[in-house]
Amino acid sequence: MSKRYKSKPAPSRTRQRGLGATTLLLLGGIVLISAAIVGFVWFALAPNRNANGTPQLQVNTERLDLGKQIFNKTVRASFTVKNVGTGTLTLNVPRSVTLLEGC
């Protein structure tokens, strides 16, 4: 008598390589929460561009007299700028100042 051998099927793998559904859900939740926090901070810290009112600039001095200075020498001056209006004041400050009047 000959023996018949039945081949056994390969065991099925229940665990797959890669990210599982639980891990993907957890990562998705973290991404959504992070996006919500970033959005909240961005909107909370952004100036209110649609605010009613008019901004009004006030400087504590009308004129700066630096006296006689050597040409091409750096001089410094300080003054206070204040918004006394009811709207949002936005300043774009240049890195250097141009002389408008003088020798």
Protein backbone atom coordinates (compact mmCIF):
# COMPACT_ATOMS: atom_id res chain seq x y z
CA MET A 1 0.00 0.00 0.00
CA SER A 2 1.12 3.41 -0.76
CA LYS A 3 0.66 6.21 1.63
CA ARG A 4 -0.87 9.34 0.38
CA TYR A 5 0.56 12.49 1.71
CA LYS A 6 -1.63 15.49 1.83
CA SER A 7 0.16 18.75 1.65
CA LYS A 8 -0.77 21.07 4.41
CA PRO A 9 -1.74 24.57 3.40
CA ALA A 10 0.66 27.29 4.47
CA PRO A 11 -0.36 28.85 7.76
CA SER A 12 -2.12 32.14 7.17
CA ARG A 13 -0.47 35.17 8.63
CA THR A 14 -2.88 37.19 10.64
CA ARG A 15 -0.35 39.87 11.39
CA GLN A 16 0.71 42.04 8.48
CA ARG A 17 3.72 44.23 8.26
CA GLY A 18 3.11 47.95 8.37
CA LEU A 19 0.90 50.14 10.48
CA GLY A 20 -2.21 48.70 12.01
CA ALA A 21 -5.60 50.38 12.04
CA THR A 22 -5.22 51.41 15.67
CA THR A 23 -1.89 53.08 15.00
CA LEU A 24 -3.29 54.93 11.98
CA LEU A 25 -6.26 56.16 14.00
CA LEU A 26 -3.98 57.32 16.78
CA LEU A 27 -1.69 59.19 14.35
CA GLY A 28 -4.68 60.75 12.60
CA GLY A 29 -6.07 61.95 15.92
CA ILE A 30 -2.73 63.48 16.88
CA VAL A 31 -2.52 65.27 13.52
CA LEU A 32 -6.06 66.65 13.87
CA ILE A 33 -5.47 67.86 17.43
CA SER A 34 -2.17 69.48 16.41
CA ALA A 35 -3.84 71.25 13.47
CA ALA A 36 -6.61 72.52 15.74
CA ILE A 37 -4.10 73.90 18.25
CA VAL A 38 -2.03 75.60 15.54
CA GLY A 39 -5.16 77.11 13.99
CA PHE A 40 -6.41 78.41 17.33
CA VAL A 41 -3.05 80.00 18.19
CA TRP A 42 -2.76 81.54 14.72
CA PHE A 43 -6.21 83.13 14.89
CA ALA A 44 -5.84 84.18 18.52
CA LEU A 45 -2.48 85.91 18.03
CA ALA A 46 -3.19 87.51 14.63
CA PRO A 47 -4.10 91.19 14.82
CA ASN A 48 -7.72 92.01 14.18
CA ARG A 49 -7.61 93.47 10.66
CA ASN A 50 -11.35 94.15 10.57
CA ALA A 51 -11.44 96.21 13.75
CA ASN A 52 -13.59 99.30 13.63
CA GLY A 53 -11.92 102.62 14.21
CA THR A 54 -9.03 104.58 12.84
CA PRO A 55 -5.42 104.20 13.94
CA GLN A 56 -3.59 107.38 14.86
CA LEU A 57 0.18 107.61 15.27
CA GLN A 58 1.67 109.77 18.03
CA VAL A 59 5.42 110.41 18.41
CA ASN A 60 6.82 111.96 21.58
CA THR A 61 8.99 114.45 19.65
CA GLU A 62 8.47 116.35 16.40
CA ARG A 63 12.12 117.01 15.65
CA LEU A 64 15.44 115.25 16.31
CA ASP A 65 18.51 117.49 16.46
CA LEU A 66 21.65 115.37 16.34
CA GLY A 67 24.02 118.35 16.06
CA LYS A 68 27.08 118.30 13.83
CA GLN A 69 28.20 114.81 12.91
CA ILE A 70 31.10 113.40 10.91
CA PHE A 71 30.01 112.11 7.50
CA ASN A 72 29.38 108.36 7.30
CA LYS A 73 29.34 107.98 11.08
CA THR A 74 26.53 106.00 12.69
CA VAL A 75 24.31 108.00 15.02
CA ARG A 76 21.47 106.74 17.15
CA ALA A 77 18.28 108.40 18.27
CA SER A 78 15.34 107.10 20.24
CA PHE A 79 11.75 108.19 20.38
CA THR A 80 8.44 106.68 21.39
CA VAL A 81 5.74 105.77 18.89
CA LYS A 82 2.23 105.23 20.22
CA ASN A 83 -1.17 104.41 18.76
CA VAL A 84 -3.71 106.83 20.24
CA GLY A 85 -6.48 105.88 17.81
CA THR A 86 -9.14 103.22 18.11
CA GLY A 87 -8.03 101.01 15.20
CA THR A 88 -5.12 98.63 14.79
CA LEU A 89 -1.87 100.36 13.81
CA THR A 90 0.59 98.37 11.68
CA LEU A 91 4.14 99.64 11.17
CA ASN A 92 6.63 98.52 8.56
CA VAL A 93 9.96 99.69 9.95
CA PRO A 94 12.94 99.93 7.55
CA ARG A 95 16.36 98.78 8.71
CA SER A 96 17.93 102.16 7.92
CA VAL A 97 16.68 105.73 7.73
CA THR A 98 17.24 108.15 4.87
CA LEU A 99 18.17 111.75 5.59
CA LEU A 100 15.46 114.02 4.22
CA GLU A 101 16.94 117.39 5.12
CA GLY A 102 20.42 118.58 5.92
CA CYS A 103 23.85 119.23 4.40
